[in-house]
Amino acid sequence: MTKKIFPGNWVTNLSSYQGQPVVAVPGRVYCHKVGYALVDSTGGTSFDVIIPSPDKRQDDKVRADITGLTVPAGAVVYSLGIRVADTRKEKDKGDATSGLVGTNTDTLKLASAVNTTAGGVISASALGTTAADLTVASTTIAPGSGRFSSGGATLSGALTLKVFVADSTGASAGSTLTSSVTGGSPIIAEVSYYMDDDVADVEDTFLPYLTES
């Protein structure tokens, strides 16, 4: 686990790339991982989530992007989120659009598998947002978001989240989703969870000095 931070030093977003946690409650470390799935003109029915490298220049990217939004075993997941972004370069002109092109009544969700329950799930073995939150209408998905939250469930094993196109039932694979936007349409994905913190070490207490008699 990367170096944890504490509330008094928390002045920016947690690093998804490093999996950086914050000690918001003693005994627990909280993580918030954010990435994006890119739908291009080729399209597909499932899309890996990319956690981008902090190195922004493509000609000098020392650290490669991370492909895969993986939640470790033992994590207590309490929130999942997905957002279809507005791809307009000038947000004050025209109508909001995602550039996504799909089959009417198909749905979109962030999940560990396409066949998770359509109504959203956070359990020990499955994760998924509510499919009906984002639905194809008039052959596109309007910019918007969906979130599924619960009291939390401890994962029995690591799960990797993907963006899935589901059919109208929300629990089976849908048709191919593409993008008409140059460079593709990003779909933002996030997961929030906590884990037990490490047990305190000698640096976390005061030990008496040893003296020689």
N, C-alpha and C. Protein backbone atom coordinates (compact mmCIF):
# COMPACT_ATOMS: atom_id res chain seq x y z
N MET A 1 0.84 -1.19 0.00
CA MET A 1 0.00 0.00 0.00
C MET A 1 0.88 1.24 0.00
N THR A 2 0.48 2.23 -0.77
CA THR A 2 1.25 3.45 -0.85
C THR A 2 1.15 4.25 0.44
N LYS A 3 1.93 5.30 0.55
CA LYS A 3 1.96 6.11 1.76
C LYS A 3 0.58 6.72 2.04
N LYS A 4 0.08 6.48 3.23
CA LYS A 4 -1.23 7.01 3.60
C LYS A 4 -1.12 8.46 4.05
N ILE A 5 -2.20 9.21 3.90
CA ILE A 5 -2.23 10.59 4.34
C ILE A 5 -3.32 10.75 5.40
N PHE A 6 -3.25 11.88 6.09
CA PHE A 6 -4.16 12.15 7.19
C PHE A 6 -4.98 13.39 6.88
N PRO A 7 -6.18 13.53 7.49
CA PRO A 7 -7.08 14.62 7.12
C PRO A 7 -6.44 16.00 7.09
N GLY A 8 -5.56 16.32 8.03
CA GLY A 8 -4.94 17.65 8.05
C GLY A 8 -4.03 17.91 6.86
N ASN A 9 -3.57 16.84 6.22
CA ASN A 9 -2.69 16.97 5.05
C ASN A 9 -3.43 16.68 3.74
N TRP A 10 -4.71 16.52 3.81
CA TRP A 10 -5.50 16.13 2.65
C TRP A 10 -5.98 17.39 1.94
N VAL A 11 -5.25 17.78 0.89
CA VAL A 11 -5.54 19.04 0.21
C VAL A 11 -5.88 18.85 -1.26
N THR A 12 -5.93 17.60 -1.73
CA THR A 12 -6.25 17.35 -3.13
C THR A 12 -6.87 15.97 -3.26
N ASN A 13 -7.25 15.58 -4.47
CA ASN A 13 -7.82 14.25 -4.68
C ASN A 13 -6.80 13.17 -4.32
N LEU A 14 -7.29 12.07 -3.79
CA LEU A 14 -6.42 10.94 -3.54
C LEU A 14 -5.89 10.41 -4.87
N SER A 15 -4.66 9.93 -4.87
CA SER A 15 -4.05 9.43 -6.10
C SER A 15 -4.61 8.05 -6.43
N SER A 16 -5.43 7.97 -7.49
CA SER A 16 -5.94 6.68 -7.94
C SER A 16 -4.80 5.83 -8.49
N TYR A 17 -3.83 6.47 -9.10
CA TYR A 17 -2.71 5.76 -9.71
C TYR A 17 -1.90 5.02 -8.65
N GLN A 18 -1.70 5.66 -7.50
CA GLN A 18 -0.93 5.04 -6.42
C GLN A 18 -1.81 4.27 -5.45
N GLY A 19 -3.13 4.35 -5.62
CA GLY A 19 -4.02 3.71 -4.67
C GLY A 19 -3.92 4.35 -3.30
N GLN A 20 -3.74 5.64 -3.27
CA GLN A 20 -3.46 6.35 -2.02
C GLN A 20 -4.67 6.39 -1.09
N PRO A 21 -4.50 5.97 0.18
CA PRO A 21 -5.62 6.00 1.12
C PRO A 21 -5.51 7.18 2.08
N VAL A 22 -6.62 7.49 2.72
CA VAL A 22 -6.63 8.51 3.77
C VAL A 22 -7.15 7.87 5.05
N VAL A 23 -6.54 8.22 6.16
CA VAL A 23 -6.97 7.71 7.46
C VAL A 23 -8.05 8.66 7.98
N ALA A 24 -9.27 8.44 7.54
CA ALA A 24 -10.37 9.31 7.94
C ALA A 24 -10.96 8.88 9.28
N VAL A 25 -10.86 7.60 9.59
CA VAL A 25 -11.34 7.04 10.85
C VAL A 25 -10.23 6.16 11.40
N PRO A 26 -9.84 6.31 12.66
CA PRO A 26 -8.77 5.46 13.21
C PRO A 26 -9.05 3.98 13.00
N GLY A 27 -8.05 3.27 12.53
CA GLY A 27 -8.18 1.84 12.30
C GLY A 27 -8.59 1.46 10.90
N ARG A 28 -8.93 2.48 10.07
CA ARG A 28 -9.33 2.22 8.70
C ARG A 28 -8.61 3.16 7.75
N VAL A 29 -8.36 2.69 6.51
CA VAL A 29 -7.85 3.55 5.46
C VAL A 29 -8.87 3.54 4.32
N TYR A 30 -9.22 4.72 3.84
CA TYR A 30 -10.25 4.87 2.82
C TYR A 30 -9.61 5.18 1.47
N CYS A 31 -10.12 4.54 0.42
CA CYS A 31 -9.61 4.74 -0.94
C CYS A 31 -10.73 5.18 -1.87
N HIS A 32 -10.38 6.03 -2.81
CA HIS A 32 -11.32 6.48 -3.84
C HIS A 32 -10.58 6.41 -5.16
N LYS A 33 -10.91 5.43 -5.98
CA LYS A 33 -10.23 5.25 -7.26
C LYS A 33 -11.13 5.73 -8.40
N VAL A 34 -10.53 6.52 -9.29
CA VAL A 34 -11.25 7.08 -10.43
C VAL A 34 -10.47 6.80 -11.71
N GLY A 35 -11.18 6.41 -12.75
CA GLY A 35 -10.56 6.21 -14.06
C GLY A 35 -11.58 6.46 -15.15
N TYR A 36 -11.24 6.07 -16.37
CA TYR A 36 -12.17 6.27 -17.48
C TYR A 36 -12.08 5.11 -18.46
N ALA A 37 -13.21 4.83 -19.09
CA ALA A 37 -13.25 3.90 -20.21
C ALA A 37 -13.47 4.72 -21.47
N LEU A 38 -12.75 4.42 -22.52
CA LEU A 38 -12.84 5.20 -23.75
C LEU A 38 -13.55 4.38 -24.83
N VAL A 39 -14.68 4.92 -25.29
CA VAL A 39 -15.43 4.29 -26.38
C VAL A 39 -15.04 4.97 -27.68
N ASP A 40 -14.51 4.23 -28.64
CA ASP A 40 -14.07 4.84 -29.90
C ASP A 40 -15.00 4.42 -31.04
N SER A 41 -14.57 4.69 -32.26
CA SER A 41 -15.42 4.41 -33.43
C SER A 41 -15.58 2.91 -33.68
N THR A 42 -14.66 2.11 -33.18
CA THR A 42 -14.78 0.65 -33.31
C THR A 42 -15.81 0.12 -32.33
N GLY A 43 -15.76 0.64 -31.11
CA GLY A 43 -16.75 0.29 -30.10
C GLY A 43 -16.60 -1.10 -29.54
N GLY A 44 -17.64 -1.52 -28.82
CA GLY A 44 -17.64 -2.83 -28.19
C GLY A 44 -18.80 -2.95 -27.23
N THR A 45 -18.82 -4.04 -26.49
CA THR A 45 -19.86 -4.24 -25.48
C THR A 45 -19.29 -4.24 -24.06
N SER A 46 -17.98 -4.18 -23.95
CA SER A 46 -17.33 -4.02 -22.64
C SER A 46 -16.04 -3.23 -22.84
N PHE A 47 -15.71 -2.44 -21.82
CA PHE A 47 -14.57 -1.52 -21.94
C PHE A 47 -13.77 -1.53 -20.64
N ASP A 48 -12.46 -1.72 -20.76
CA ASP A 48 -11.58 -1.64 -19.60
C ASP A 48 -11.54 -0.22 -19.07
N VAL A 49 -11.40 -0.09 -17.77
CA VAL A 49 -11.22 1.22 -17.15
C VAL A 49 -9.74 1.51 -17.04
N ILE A 50 -9.34 2.67 -17.48
CA ILE A 50 -7.95 3.09 -17.46
C ILE A 50 -7.74 4.08 -16.33
N ILE A 51 -6.74 3.84 -15.49
CA ILE A 51 -6.32 4.82 -14.50
C ILE A 51 -5.11 5.52 -15.09
N PRO A 52 -5.26 6.79 -15.47
CA PRO A 52 -4.20 7.46 -16.22
C PRO A 52 -2.95 7.74 -15.40
N SER A 53 -1.83 7.71 -16.09
CA SER A 53 -0.55 8.03 -15.48
C SER A 53 -0.51 9.51 -15.10
N PRO A 54 0.19 9.86 -14.03
CA PRO A 54 0.39 11.28 -13.70
C PRO A 54 1.22 12.01 -14.75
N ASP A 55 1.93 11.26 -15.60
CA ASP A 55 2.74 11.86 -16.67
C ASP A 55 1.83 12.20 -17.84
N LYS A 56 1.54 13.45 -18.04
CA LYS A 56 0.54 13.86 -19.01
C LYS A 56 1.06 13.92 -20.44
N ARG A 57 2.36 14.21 -20.62
CA ARG A 57 2.89 14.31 -21.98
C ARG A 57 3.03 12.93 -22.60
N GLN A 58 2.40 12.72 -23.74
CA GLN A 58 2.46 11.41 -24.39
C GLN A 58 3.86 11.06 -24.88
N ASP A 59 4.69 12.09 -25.15
CA ASP A 59 6.04 11.82 -25.65
C ASP A 59 7.04 11.63 -24.52
N ASP A 60 6.58 11.75 -23.27
CA ASP A 60 7.48 11.58 -22.13
C ASP A 60 6.71 10.96 -20.96
N LYS A 61 6.11 9.81 -21.22
CA LYS A 61 5.30 9.14 -20.21
C LYS A 61 6.14 8.05 -19.56
N VAL A 62 6.86 8.43 -18.49
CA VAL A 62 7.73 7.49 -17.82
C VAL A 62 6.94 6.36 -17.18
N ARG A 63 5.81 6.72 -16.58
CA ARG A 63 4.95 5.73 -15.94
C ARG A 63 3.75 5.46 -16.85
N ALA A 64 3.56 4.20 -17.20
CA ALA A 64 2.47 3.84 -18.11
C ALA A 64 1.12 3.92 -17.40
N ASP A 65 0.07 4.12 -18.19
CA ASP A 65 -1.28 4.07 -17.64
C ASP A 65 -1.54 2.68 -17.05
N ILE A 66 -2.41 2.63 -16.06
CA ILE A 66 -2.84 1.34 -15.50
C ILE A 66 -4.15 0.95 -16.16
N THR A 67 -4.18 -0.22 -16.77
CA THR A 67 -5.40 -0.72 -17.39
C THR A 67 -6.08 -1.69 -16.42
N GLY A 68 -7.26 -1.31 -15.96
CA GLY A 68 -8.00 -2.16 -15.03
C GLY A 68 -8.25 -1.46 -13.71
N LEU A 69 -9.52 -1.35 -13.35
CA LEU A 69 -9.93 -0.76 -12.07
C LEU A 69 -10.19 -1.92 -11.12
N THR A 70 -9.15 -2.31 -10.38
CA THR A 70 -9.22 -3.50 -9.53
C THR A 70 -9.39 -3.12 -8.06
N VAL A 71 -10.33 -3.79 -7.41
CA VAL A 71 -10.57 -3.58 -5.99
C VAL A 71 -10.03 -4.82 -5.27
N PRO A 72 -9.16 -4.65 -4.26
CA PRO A 72 -8.50 -5.81 -3.65
C PRO A 72 -9.41 -6.61 -2.74
N ALA A 73 -9.05 -7.86 -2.54
CA ALA A 73 -9.76 -8.71 -1.59
C ALA A 73 -9.67 -8.08 -0.19
N GLY A 74 -10.75 -8.19 0.57
CA GLY A 74 -10.77 -7.62 1.91
C GLY A 74 -11.27 -6.20 1.96
N ALA A 75 -11.40 -5.56 0.79
CA ALA A 75 -11.92 -4.19 0.75
C ALA A 75 -13.40 -4.19 1.08
N VAL A 76 -13.83 -3.18 1.83
CA VAL A 76 -15.25 -3.01 2.12
C VAL A 76 -15.77 -1.93 1.18
N VAL A 77 -16.42 -2.33 0.11
CA VAL A 77 -16.90 -1.40 -0.91
C VAL A 77 -18.24 -0.83 -0.47
N TYR A 78 -18.37 0.50 -0.58
CA TYR A 78 -19.64 1.12 -0.18
C TYR A 78 -20.23 2.04 -1.25
N SER A 79 -19.50 2.29 -2.34
CA SER A 79 -20.07 3.16 -3.38
C SER A 79 -19.41 2.90 -4.73
N LEU A 80 -20.26 2.89 -5.77
CA LEU A 80 -19.81 2.78 -7.16
C LEU A 80 -20.44 3.92 -7.94
N GLY A 81 -19.70 4.47 -8.90
CA GLY A 81 -20.26 5.55 -9.70
C GLY A 81 -19.82 5.48 -11.15
N ILE A 82 -20.69 5.94 -12.04
CA ILE A 82 -20.39 5.97 -13.48
C ILE A 82 -20.98 7.26 -14.06
N ARG A 83 -20.24 7.90 -14.95
CA ARG A 83 -20.70 9.13 -15.58
C ARG A 83 -20.39 9.13 -17.06
N VAL A 84 -21.41 9.42 -17.87
CA VAL A 84 -21.22 9.67 -19.30
C VAL A 84 -20.93 11.15 -19.46
N ALA A 85 -19.76 11.46 -19.97
CA ALA A 85 -19.30 12.85 -20.01
C ALA A 85 -19.91 13.62 -21.19
N ASP A 86 -20.02 14.91 -21.00
CA ASP A 86 -20.41 15.83 -22.07
C ASP A 86 -19.17 16.11 -22.91
N THR A 87 -19.21 15.76 -24.18
CA THR A 87 -18.01 15.87 -25.02
C THR A 87 -17.89 17.20 -25.77
N ARG A 88 -18.80 18.14 -25.51
CA ARG A 88 -18.67 19.45 -26.15
C ARG A 88 -17.40 20.15 -25.68
N LYS A 89 -16.65 20.75 -26.59
CA LYS A 89 -15.46 21.50 -26.19
C LYS A 89 -15.84 22.82 -25.53
N GLU A 90 -16.95 23.40 -25.98
CA GLU A 90 -17.44 24.64 -25.37
C GLU A 90 -18.79 24.32 -24.75
N LYS A 91 -18.81 24.20 -23.42
CA LYS A 91 -19.99 23.73 -22.73
C LYS A 91 -21.15 24.73 -22.74
N ASP A 92 -20.87 25.99 -23.10
CA ASP A 92 -21.94 26.99 -23.10
C ASP A 92 -22.60 27.14 -24.48
N LYS A 93 -22.22 26.27 -25.42
CA LYS A 93 -22.78 26.35 -26.77
C LYS A 93 -23.42 25.02 -27.16
N GLY A 94 -24.64 25.10 -27.68
CA GLY A 94 -25.33 23.90 -28.13
C GLY A 94 -25.85 23.05 -26.98
N ASP A 95 -26.37 21.89 -27.34
CA ASP A 95 -26.91 20.96 -26.35
C ASP A 95 -25.86 19.96 -25.91
N ALA A 96 -25.97 19.51 -24.68
CA ALA A 96 -25.03 18.50 -24.17
C ALA A 96 -25.12 17.23 -25.00
N THR A 97 -23.98 16.64 -25.28
CA THR A 97 -23.94 15.42 -26.09
C THR A 97 -22.77 14.56 -25.65
N SER A 98 -22.95 13.25 -25.76
CA SER A 98 -21.88 12.33 -25.41
C SER A 98 -21.15 11.80 -26.63
N GLY A 99 -21.80 11.87 -27.77
CA GLY A 99 -21.23 11.29 -28.98
C GLY A 99 -21.37 9.78 -29.05
N LEU A 100 -21.98 9.18 -28.05
CA LEU A 100 -22.16 7.72 -28.05
C LEU A 100 -23.29 7.33 -28.99
N VAL A 101 -23.10 6.19 -29.66
CA VAL A 101 -24.10 5.68 -30.60
C VAL A 101 -24.38 4.23 -30.25
N GLY A 102 -25.65 3.94 -29.95
CA GLY A 102 -25.99 2.58 -29.55
C GLY A 102 -27.38 2.17 -29.98
N THR A 103 -27.82 1.04 -29.46
CA THR A 103 -29.13 0.47 -29.78
C THR A 103 -30.13 0.88 -28.71
N ASN A 104 -31.25 1.41 -29.11
CA ASN A 104 -32.25 1.87 -28.16
C ASN A 104 -32.63 0.78 -27.15
N THR A 105 -32.81 1.20 -25.91
CA THR A 105 -33.16 0.41 -24.72
C THR A 105 -31.96 -0.32 -24.12
N ASP A 106 -30.80 -0.33 -24.80
CA ASP A 106 -29.61 -0.87 -24.16
C ASP A 106 -29.23 0.02 -22.97
N THR A 107 -28.51 -0.55 -22.03
CA THR A 107 -28.14 0.18 -20.81
C THR A 107 -26.62 0.12 -20.61
N LEU A 108 -26.16 0.93 -19.67
CA LEU A 108 -24.72 1.03 -19.42
C LEU A 108 -24.48 0.94 -17.92
N LYS A 109 -23.51 0.15 -17.53
CA LYS A 109 -23.22 0.05 -16.09
C LYS A 109 -21.76 -0.26 -15.84
N LEU A 110 -21.32 0.12 -14.66
CA LEU A 110 -19.99 -0.24 -14.16
C LEU A 110 -20.18 -1.46 -13.29
N ALA A 111 -19.48 -2.55 -13.60
CA ALA A 111 -19.73 -3.79 -12.87
C ALA A 111 -18.54 -4.74 -12.96
N SER A 112 -18.58 -5.75 -12.13
CA SER A 112 -17.56 -6.80 -12.18
C SER A 112 -17.87 -7.84 -13.24
N ALA A 113 -19.13 -7.90 -13.70
CA ALA A 113 -19.56 -8.80 -14.77
C ALA A 113 -20.86 -8.27 -15.33
N VAL A 114 -21.11 -8.54 -16.60
CA VAL A 114 -22.31 -8.01 -17.24
C VAL A 114 -23.58 -8.61 -16.65
N ASN A 115 -23.48 -9.82 -16.11
CA ASN A 115 -24.69 -10.51 -15.62
C ASN A 115 -24.97 -10.27 -14.14
N THR A 116 -24.34 -9.23 -13.54
CA THR A 116 -24.75 -8.87 -12.19
C THR A 116 -26.18 -8.34 -12.24
N THR A 117 -26.84 -8.31 -11.11
CA THR A 117 -28.23 -7.89 -11.07
C THR A 117 -28.41 -6.49 -11.66
N ALA A 118 -29.50 -6.28 -12.37
CA ALA A 118 -29.74 -5.01 -13.06
C ALA A 118 -29.95 -3.86 -12.08
N GLY A 119 -30.44 -4.18 -10.88
CA GLY A 119 -30.78 -3.15 -9.92
C GLY A 119 -29.63 -2.63 -9.11
N GLY A 120 -28.42 -3.04 -9.40
CA GLY A 120 -27.25 -2.61 -8.65
C GLY A 120 -26.93 -3.61 -7.55
N VAL A 121 -25.65 -3.81 -7.30
CA VAL A 121 -25.25 -4.79 -6.28
C VAL A 121 -23.88 -4.42 -5.71
N ILE A 122 -23.76 -4.55 -4.40
CA ILE A 122 -22.47 -4.52 -3.72
C ILE A 122 -22.49 -5.69 -2.74
N SER A 123 -21.78 -6.76 -3.10
CA SER A 123 -21.76 -7.96 -2.26
C SER A 123 -20.32 -8.47 -2.19
N ALA A 124 -20.14 -9.58 -1.50
CA ALA A 124 -18.80 -10.14 -1.33
C ALA A 124 -18.20 -10.63 -2.64
N SER A 125 -19.06 -10.90 -3.64
CA SER A 125 -18.55 -11.50 -4.87
C SER A 125 -18.98 -10.78 -6.14
N ALA A 126 -19.72 -9.67 -6.02
CA ALA A 126 -20.20 -8.97 -7.21
C ALA A 126 -20.40 -7.49 -6.92
N LEU A 127 -20.09 -6.67 -7.92
CA LEU A 127 -20.26 -5.22 -7.83
C LEU A 127 -20.93 -4.72 -9.10
N GLY A 128 -21.84 -3.79 -8.99
CA GLY A 128 -22.46 -3.24 -10.19
C GLY A 128 -23.37 -2.07 -9.88
N THR A 129 -23.40 -1.09 -10.79
CA THR A 129 -24.32 0.03 -10.66
C THR A 129 -25.68 -0.37 -11.26
N THR A 130 -26.67 0.48 -11.06
CA THR A 130 -28.00 0.22 -11.58
C THR A 130 -28.03 0.50 -13.08
N ALA A 131 -28.33 -0.50 -13.88
CA ALA A 131 -28.23 -0.38 -15.33
C ALA A 131 -29.17 0.69 -15.89
N ALA A 132 -30.36 0.82 -15.33
CA ALA A 132 -31.36 1.74 -15.88
C ALA A 132 -30.99 3.21 -15.71
N ASP A 133 -29.96 3.50 -14.92
CA ASP A 133 -29.55 4.89 -14.73
C ASP A 133 -29.08 5.53 -16.04
N LEU A 134 -28.50 4.72 -16.92
CA LEU A 134 -27.99 5.22 -18.20
C LEU A 134 -28.51 4.31 -19.31
N THR A 135 -29.45 4.83 -20.10
CA THR A 135 -30.13 4.04 -21.11
C THR A 135 -30.02 4.71 -22.48
N VAL A 136 -29.85 3.89 -23.52
CA VAL A 136 -29.79 4.42 -24.88
C VAL A 136 -31.20 4.81 -25.32
N ALA A 137 -31.34 6.06 -25.74
CA ALA A 137 -32.61 6.57 -26.28
C ALA A 137 -32.28 7.45 -27.47
N SER A 138 -33.07 7.32 -28.53
CA SER A 138 -32.79 8.04 -29.79
C SER A 138 -31.37 7.75 -30.25
N THR A 139 -30.95 6.51 -30.08
CA THR A 139 -29.66 5.94 -30.49
C THR A 139 -28.45 6.57 -29.80
N THR A 140 -28.64 7.20 -28.66
CA THR A 140 -27.50 7.75 -27.93
C THR A 140 -27.77 7.70 -26.43
N ILE A 141 -26.72 7.93 -25.65
CA ILE A 141 -26.87 8.06 -24.20
C ILE A 141 -26.54 9.50 -23.84
N ALA A 142 -27.50 10.20 -23.27
CA ALA A 142 -27.28 11.59 -22.90
C ALA A 142 -26.29 11.66 -21.74
N PRO A 143 -25.49 12.73 -21.67
CA PRO A 143 -24.59 12.90 -20.53
C PRO A 143 -25.37 12.80 -19.22
N GLY A 144 -24.86 12.05 -18.30
CA GLY A 144 -25.52 11.84 -17.02
C GLY A 144 -24.71 10.89 -16.17
N SER A 145 -25.25 10.52 -15.02
CA SER A 145 -24.48 9.68 -14.11
C SER A 145 -25.39 8.73 -13.36
N GLY A 146 -24.79 7.75 -12.74
CA GLY A 146 -25.49 6.80 -11.91
C GLY A 146 -24.60 6.40 -10.75
N ARG A 147 -25.19 6.19 -9.58
CA ARG A 147 -24.44 5.78 -8.40
C ARG A 147 -25.21 4.69 -7.68
N PHE A 148 -24.45 3.71 -7.17
CA PHE A 148 -25.07 2.70 -6.32
C PHE A 148 -24.27 2.62 -5.03
N SER A 149 -24.95 2.79 -3.91
CA SER A 149 -24.30 2.78 -2.60
C SER A 149 -24.98 1.77 -1.69
N SER A 150 -24.23 1.32 -0.69
CA SER A 150 -24.79 0.41 0.30
C SER A 150 -24.03 0.58 1.60
N GLY A 151 -24.43 -0.18 2.60
CA GLY A 151 -23.73 -0.13 3.87
C GLY A 151 -22.34 -0.73 3.80
N GLY A 152 -22.03 -1.39 2.69
CA GLY A 152 -20.71 -1.96 2.51
C GLY A 152 -20.71 -3.47 2.55
N ALA A 153 -19.86 -4.07 1.74
CA ALA A 153 -19.67 -5.52 1.72
C ALA A 153 -18.19 -5.81 1.56
N THR A 154 -17.69 -6.77 2.30
CA THR A 154 -16.27 -7.14 2.25
C THR A 154 -16.04 -8.12 1.12
N LEU A 155 -15.15 -7.77 0.20
CA LEU A 155 -14.88 -8.65 -0.95
C LEU A 155 -14.13 -9.89 -0.52
N SER A 156 -14.62 -11.04 -0.95
CA SER A 156 -13.95 -12.30 -0.65
C SER A 156 -12.75 -12.53 -1.56
N GLY A 157 -12.72 -11.84 -2.67
CA GLY A 157 -11.59 -11.91 -3.60
C GLY A 157 -11.52 -10.63 -4.41
N ALA A 158 -10.38 -10.37 -5.03
CA ALA A 158 -10.24 -9.15 -5.83
C ALA A 158 -11.21 -9.16 -7.00
N LEU A 159 -11.78 -7.98 -7.32
CA LEU A 159 -12.68 -7.84 -8.46
C LEU A 159 -12.21 -6.69 -9.34
N THR A 160 -12.27 -6.90 -10.65
CA THR A 160 -11.92 -5.86 -11.61
C THR A 160 -13.20 -5.33 -12.25
N LEU A 161 -13.38 -4.04 -12.17
CA LEU A 161 -14.57 -3.39 -12.71
C LEU A 161 -14.37 -2.99 -14.17
N LYS A 162 -15.41 -3.16 -14.97
CA LYS A 162 -15.42 -2.71 -16.36
C LYS A 162 -16.71 -1.96 -16.63
N VAL A 163 -16.74 -1.23 -17.72
CA VAL A 163 -17.98 -0.62 -18.20
C VAL A 163 -18.60 -1.59 -19.19
N PHE A 164 -19.84 -1.99 -18.91
CA PHE A 164 -20.53 -2.97 -19.76
C PHE A 164 -21.74 -2.35 -20.43
N VAL A 165 -21.97 -2.76 -21.68
CA VAL A 165 -23.23 -2.47 -22.36
C VAL A 165 -24.14 -3.66 -22.11
N ALA A 166 -25.28 -3.40 -21.48
CA ALA A 166 -26.25 -4.47 -21.20
C ALA A 166 -27.51 -4.22 -22.03
N ASP A 167 -28.32 -5.24 -22.14
CA ASP A 167 -29.59 -5.09 -22.87
C ASP A 167 -30.63 -4.43 -21.96
N SER A 168 -31.87 -4.41 -22.38
CA SER A 168 -32.91 -3.72 -21.62
C SER A 168 -33.17 -4.35 -20.26
N THR A 169 -32.81 -5.64 -20.09
CA THR A 169 -32.98 -6.28 -18.79
C THR A 169 -31.92 -5.82 -17.80
N GLY A 170 -30.81 -5.30 -18.32
CA GLY A 170 -29.72 -4.84 -17.47
C GLY A 170 -28.82 -5.93 -16.96
N ALA A 171 -29.09 -7.19 -17.34
CA ALA A 171 -28.31 -8.30 -16.80
C ALA A 171 -27.75 -9.23 -17.88
N SER A 172 -27.87 -8.85 -19.14
CA SER A 172 -27.29 -9.62 -20.24
C SER A 172 -26.62 -8.66 -21.20
N ALA A 173 -25.68 -9.17 -22.01
CA ALA A 173 -24.92 -8.32 -22.92
C ALA A 173 -25.83 -7.64 -23.93
N GLY A 174 -25.54 -6.38 -24.21
CA GLY A 174 -26.27 -5.63 -25.21
C GLY A 174 -25.53 -5.60 -26.53
N SER A 175 -25.89 -4.64 -27.37
CA SER A 175 -25.27 -4.50 -28.69
C SER A 175 -24.07 -3.56 -28.62
N THR A 176 -23.32 -3.52 -29.70
CA THR A 176 -22.11 -2.71 -29.74
C THR A 176 -22.41 -1.23 -29.55
N LEU A 177 -21.61 -0.59 -28.71
CA LEU A 177 -21.69 0.85 -28.48
C LEU A 177 -20.47 1.49 -29.11
N THR A 178 -20.66 2.56 -29.90
CA THR A 178 -19.56 3.25 -30.55
C THR A 178 -19.61 4.74 -30.22
N SER A 179 -18.62 5.47 -30.73
CA SER A 179 -18.58 6.92 -30.54
C SER A 179 -18.34 7.60 -31.88
N SER A 180 -19.02 8.73 -32.07
CA SER A 180 -18.83 9.52 -33.28
C SER A 180 -17.86 10.67 -33.04
N VAL A 181 -17.30 10.75 -31.85
CA VAL A 181 -16.41 11.84 -31.48
C VAL A 181 -14.97 11.50 -31.86
N THR A 182 -14.25 12.44 -32.45
CA THR A 182 -12.84 12.23 -32.76
C THR A 182 -12.07 12.01 -31.47
N GLY A 183 -11.37 10.89 -31.38
CA GLY A 183 -10.64 10.57 -30.15
C GLY A 183 -11.45 9.76 -29.16
N GLY A 184 -12.75 9.63 -29.40
CA GLY A 184 -13.58 8.80 -28.55
C GLY A 184 -14.32 9.54 -27.45
N SER A 185 -15.24 8.86 -26.82
CA SER A 185 -16.05 9.41 -25.73
C SER A 185 -15.63 8.76 -24.42
N PRO A 186 -15.25 9.56 -23.41
CA PRO A 186 -14.85 8.98 -22.13
C PRO A 186 -16.05 8.71 -21.23
N ILE A 187 -15.99 7.59 -20.53
CA ILE A 187 -16.98 7.27 -19.51
C ILE A 187 -16.22 7.17 -18.19
N ILE A 188 -16.58 8.02 -17.23
CA ILE A 188 -15.85 8.09 -15.97
C ILE A 188 -16.37 7.03 -15.02
N ALA A 189 -15.46 6.36 -14.33
CA ALA A 189 -15.83 5.30 -13.38
C ALA A 189 -15.13 5.55 -12.05
N GLU A 190 -15.84 5.25 -10.96
CA GLU A 190 -15.23 5.42 -9.65
C GLU A 190 -15.70 4.33 -8.70
N VAL A 191 -14.87 4.05 -7.70
CA VAL A 191 -15.23 3.11 -6.65
C VAL A 191 -14.66 3.64 -5.34
N SER A 192 -15.43 3.53 -4.27
CA SER A 192 -15.00 3.95 -2.95
C SER A 192 -15.06 2.76 -2.00
N TYR A 193 -14.00 2.59 -1.21
CA TYR A 193 -13.95 1.47 -0.28
C TYR A 193 -12.99 1.77 0.86
N TYR A 194 -13.07 0.96 1.91
CA TYR A 194 -12.08 1.09 2.98
C TYR A 194 -11.55 -0.28 3.35
N MET A 195 -10.39 -0.26 4.03
CA MET A 195 -9.76 -1.49 4.49
C MET A 195 -9.22 -1.25 5.90
N ASP A 196 -8.94 -2.35 6.59
CA ASP A 196 -8.32 -2.21 7.90
C ASP A 196 -6.93 -1.61 7.74
N ASP A 197 -6.59 -0.69 8.64
CA ASP A 197 -5.26 -0.10 8.63
C ASP A 197 -4.26 -1.09 9.23
N ASP A 198 -2.97 -0.84 8.98
CA ASP A 198 -1.93 -1.66 9.60
C ASP A 198 -1.96 -1.46 11.12
N VAL A 199 -1.59 -2.50 11.84
CA VAL A 199 -1.49 -2.39 13.29
C VAL A 199 -0.37 -1.41 13.64
N ALA A 200 -0.57 -0.63 14.70
CA ALA A 200 0.41 0.38 15.10
C ALA A 200 1.80 -0.25 15.29
N ASP A 201 2.82 0.54 14.96
CA ASP A 201 4.21 0.11 15.07
C ASP A 201 4.88 0.90 16.20
N VAL A 202 6.17 0.64 16.41
CA VAL A 202 6.89 1.33 17.49
C VAL A 202 6.95 2.83 17.26
N GLU A 203 6.90 3.26 15.98
CA GLU A 203 6.93 4.69 15.69
C GLU A 203 5.64 5.39 16.09
N ASP A 204 4.59 4.63 16.39
CA ASP A 204 3.29 5.21 16.72
C ASP A 204 3.07 5.37 18.22
N THR A 205 4.08 5.06 19.03
CA THR A 205 3.96 5.20 20.47
C THR A 205 5.26 5.70 21.04
N PHE A 206 5.32 5.90 22.34
CA PHE A 206 6.54 6.34 23.02
C PHE A 206 7.08 5.20 23.86
N LEU A 207 8.31 4.78 23.55
CA LEU A 207 8.95 3.73 24.31
C LEU A 207 9.93 4.37 25.28
N PRO A 208 10.06 3.83 26.48
CA PRO A 208 10.99 4.42 27.46
C PRO A 208 12.43 4.23 27.01
N TYR A 209 13.25 5.23 27.33
CA TYR A 209 14.69 5.08 27.07
C TYR A 209 15.29 4.07 28.01
N LEU A 210 16.17 3.25 27.49
CA LEU A 210 16.87 2.29 28.32
C LEU A 210 18.09 2.97 28.96
N THR A 211 18.26 2.78 30.23
CA THR A 211 19.42 3.35 30.91
C THR A 211 20.26 2.24 31.52
N GLU A 212 21.55 2.45 31.56
CA GLU A 212 22.45 1.47 32.15
C GLU A 212 22.67 1.80 33.61
N SER A 213 22.65 0.78 34.47
CA SER A 213 22.88 1.01 35.90
C SER A 213 24.37 0.99 36.19
